[in-house]
């Protein structure tokens, strides 16, 4: 159901279904990511994982979902890396690791990005699904559906999810 709140405690129904008198509803801003997008994304990812028709090299569902967000969604929002701090003459004799933050991958010093051992210590922080905008969620779901089609997925559950999304879109 989609409604528009108007002045003076009035509202305008913008979809086919109407609220039922006496029933309570949770309001959700139609401009931000919606609960239905959340359900669709997670149902699609779960079905993709179950089919096994993906080429991601992951061992479990959580890693698979994160790989989907990385590859088809917004990806990383920041990075953490290790920088080795050289000893100060006369004060210290050992090189010490220092944890650093970077907004973009390119902000990490090139020497660290190119060093095979140091590169393995770089970690990206994925953008949380809860922080995606409606537009970002739509894009990610569209990318996911396209990839699932490309992988040849046509399971009954996949088709049910797509039909449910189409019905909701037509409301």
Protein backbone atom coordinates (compact mmCIF):
# COMPACT_ATOMS: atom_id res chain seq x y z
CA UNK A 1 0.00 0.00 0.00
CA UNK A 2 1.28 3.47 -0.83
CA UNK A 3 -0.23 6.60 0.70
CA UNK A 4 0.69 10.26 0.65
CA UNK A 5 0.27 12.18 3.90
CA UNK A 6 -1.63 15.44 3.43
CA UNK A 7 -2.23 18.39 5.78
CA UNK A 8 -4.97 18.25 8.42
CA UNK A 9 -4.59 14.54 9.23
CA UNK A 10 -5.66 13.48 5.73
CA UNK A 11 -4.03 11.08 3.30
CA UNK A 12 -4.27 10.11 -0.37
CA UNK A 13 -4.20 6.44 -1.38
CA UNK A 14 -1.78 6.00 -4.29
CA UNK A 15 -2.16 2.23 -4.77
CA UNK A 16 -4.95 -0.28 -5.36
CA UNK A 17 -5.15 -1.61 -1.82
CA UNK A 18 -6.72 0.47 0.96
CA UNK A 19 -5.99 0.52 4.68
CA UNK A 20 -8.41 -1.46 6.79
CA UNK A 21 -10.22 0.47 9.53
CA UNK A 22 -9.08 -0.66 12.98
CA UNK A 23 -5.83 -2.24 11.76
CA UNK A 24 -2.40 -0.78 12.71
CA UNK A 25 0.29 -0.14 10.10
CA UNK A 26 3.97 0.72 10.17
CA UNK A 27 4.80 3.64 7.88
CA UNK A 28 7.87 3.47 5.71
CA UNK A 29 9.21 6.35 3.64
CA UNK A 30 8.71 5.45 -0.04
CA UNK A 31 11.80 7.50 -1.00
CA UNK A 32 14.29 5.43 1.00
CA UNK A 33 15.05 1.74 0.69
CA UNK A 34 11.96 -0.30 1.43
CA UNK A 35 11.31 -3.45 3.39
CA UNK A 36 10.10 -5.14 0.20
CA UNK A 37 13.45 -4.37 -1.49
CA UNK A 38 15.19 -5.84 1.54
CA UNK A 39 13.11 -9.04 1.35
CA UNK A 40 13.60 -9.31 -2.42
CA UNK A 41 17.38 -8.85 -2.22
CA UNK A 42 17.85 -11.44 0.51
CA UNK A 43 15.46 -13.92 -1.14
CA UNK A 44 17.33 -13.57 -4.45
CA UNK A 45 20.75 -13.97 -2.83
CA UNK A 46 19.53 -17.02 -0.89
CA UNK A 47 18.14 -18.63 -4.06
CA UNK A 48 21.32 -17.84 -6.01
CA UNK A 49 23.38 -19.49 -3.26
CA UNK A 50 21.11 -22.55 -3.10
CA UNK A 51 21.32 -23.18 -6.84
CA UNK A 52 25.12 -23.25 -6.75
CA UNK A 53 25.11 -21.74 -10.25
CA UNK A 54 27.57 -18.97 -9.38
CA UNK A 55 31.28 -18.62 -9.96
CA UNK A 56 32.18 -16.88 -6.69
CA UNK A 57 34.92 -18.62 -4.72
CA UNK A 58 33.30 -18.52 -1.26
CA UNK A 59 32.76 -21.12 1.47
CA UNK A 60 29.58 -19.91 3.16
CA UNK A 61 26.44 -17.87 2.66
CA UNK A 62 27.66 -14.79 4.57
CA UNK A 63 30.77 -14.55 2.40
CA UNK A 64 28.60 -15.07 -0.69
CA UNK A 65 26.21 -12.25 0.28
CA UNK A 66 29.17 -9.96 0.96
CA UNK A 67 30.68 -10.85 -2.42
CA UNK A 68 27.38 -9.94 -4.10
CA UNK A 69 27.34 -6.55 -2.33
CA UNK A 70 30.96 -6.03 -3.35
CA UNK A 71 30.55 -7.05 -7.00
CA UNK A 72 27.00 -5.98 -7.81
CA UNK A 73 26.28 -3.37 -5.14
CA UNK A 74 28.02 -0.35 -3.70
CA UNK A 75 31.16 -2.21 -2.67
CA UNK A 76 33.59 -0.86 -0.11
CA UNK A 77 33.07 2.44 1.70
CA UNK A 78 36.51 2.52 3.31
CA UNK A 79 39.69 0.51 3.81
CA UNK A 80 42.02 -0.48 6.63
CA UNK A 81 45.66 -1.25 5.92
CA UNK A 82 48.92 -1.84 7.77
CA UNK A 83 51.88 0.48 7.40
CA UNK A 84 55.27 -0.50 8.77
CA UNK A 85 56.83 2.37 10.74
CA UNK A 86 60.61 2.49 10.59
CA UNK A 87 62.42 2.78 13.91
CA UNK A 88 63.56 6.21 15.03
CA UNK A 89 67.35 6.39 15.28
CA UNK A 90 68.49 5.60 18.80
CA UNK A 91 64.96 5.24 20.24
CA UNK A 92 63.80 1.95 18.84
CA UNK A 93 65.34 -0.94 16.98
CA UNK A 94 62.20 -2.66 15.62
CA UNK A 95 59.94 -1.81 12.71
CA UNK A 96 56.40 -1.53 14.07
CA UNK A 97 53.07 -2.08 12.33
CA UNK A 98 50.59 0.79 12.37
CA UNK A 99 46.91 0.37 11.43
CA UNK A 100 45.71 3.10 9.06
CA UNK A 101 42.36 4.08 7.52
CA UNK A 102 41.68 5.12 3.93
CA UNK A 103 38.46 6.33 2.29
CA UNK A 104 39.44 5.05 -1.17
CA UNK A 105 41.72 2.24 -2.30
CA UNK A 106 43.82 4.80 -4.15
CA UNK A 107 44.46 6.59 -0.82
CA UNK A 108 46.54 3.60 0.33
CA UNK A 109 50.23 4.22 -0.45
CA UNK A 110 51.19 2.65 -3.77
CA UNK A 111 54.11 0.76 -2.21
CA UNK A 112 51.67 -1.07 0.07
CA UNK A 113 49.18 -1.76 -2.76
CA UNK A 114 51.95 -3.28 -4.90
CA UNK A 115 53.72 -5.30 -2.21
CA UNK A 116 52.26 -8.86 -2.31
CA UNK A 117 52.61 -9.41 1.45
CA UNK A 118 51.33 -5.97 2.48
CA UNK A 119 48.49 -6.09 -0.06
CA UNK A 120 47.14 -9.20 1.70
CA UNK A 121 46.70 -7.12 4.87
CA UNK A 122 44.36 -4.57 3.22
CA UNK A 123 40.72 -4.94 4.30
CA UNK A 124 37.73 -3.17 2.83
CA UNK A 125 34.60 -2.26 4.79
CA UNK A 126 31.47 -3.04 2.79
CA UNK A 127 28.60 -0.60 2.75
CA UNK A 128 25.80 -2.01 4.88
CA UNK A 129 22.59 -2.92 3.04
CA UNK A 130 20.74 -0.81 5.63
CA UNK A 131 22.67 2.26 4.42
CA UNK A 132 21.83 1.80 0.72
CA UNK A 133 19.48 4.37 -0.77
CA UNK A 134 16.40 3.24 -2.67
CA UNK A 135 18.20 3.91 -5.97
CA UNK A 136 21.26 1.92 -4.86
CA UNK A 137 19.06 -0.99 -3.74
CA UNK A 138 17.18 -1.00 -7.05
CA UNK A 139 20.45 -0.99 -8.97
CA UNK A 140 21.90 -3.85 -6.90
CA UNK A 141 18.74 -5.96 -7.23
CA UNK A 142 18.63 -5.30 -10.99
CA UNK A 143 22.30 -6.31 -11.31
CA UNK A 144 21.67 -9.44 -9.24
CA UNK A 145 18.67 -10.50 -11.36
CA UNK A 146 20.65 -9.90 -14.57
CA UNK A 147 23.54 -12.02 -13.29
CA UNK A 148 21.17 -14.78 -12.18
CA UNK A 149 19.58 -14.82 -15.65
CA UNK A 150 23.04 -14.91 -17.21
CA UNK A 151 23.95 -17.86 -14.96
CA UNK A 152 20.91 -19.70 -16.31
CA UNK A 153 18.88 -19.77 -13.10
CA UNK A 154 15.23 -20.57 -13.74
CA UNK A 155 14.17 -22.36 -10.57
CA UNK A 156 10.59 -22.26 -9.40
CA UNK A 157 11.55 -20.13 -6.38
CA UNK A 158 13.43 -17.63 -8.57
CA UNK A 159 10.40 -17.24 -10.81
CA UNK A 160 8.12 -16.80 -7.75
CA UNK A 161 10.35 -14.03 -6.41
CA UNK A 162 10.32 -12.25 -9.78
CA UNK A 163 6.53 -12.58 -10.05
CA UNK A 164 6.09 -11.16 -6.54
CA UNK A 165 8.32 -8.21 -7.39
CA UNK A 166 6.35 -7.58 -10.59
CA UNK A 167 3.03 -7.67 -8.72
CA UNK A 168 4.31 -5.20 -6.14
CA UNK A 169 5.62 -2.93 -8.89
CA UNK A 170 2.17 -2.83 -10.49
CA UNK A 171 0.40 -1.82 -7.27
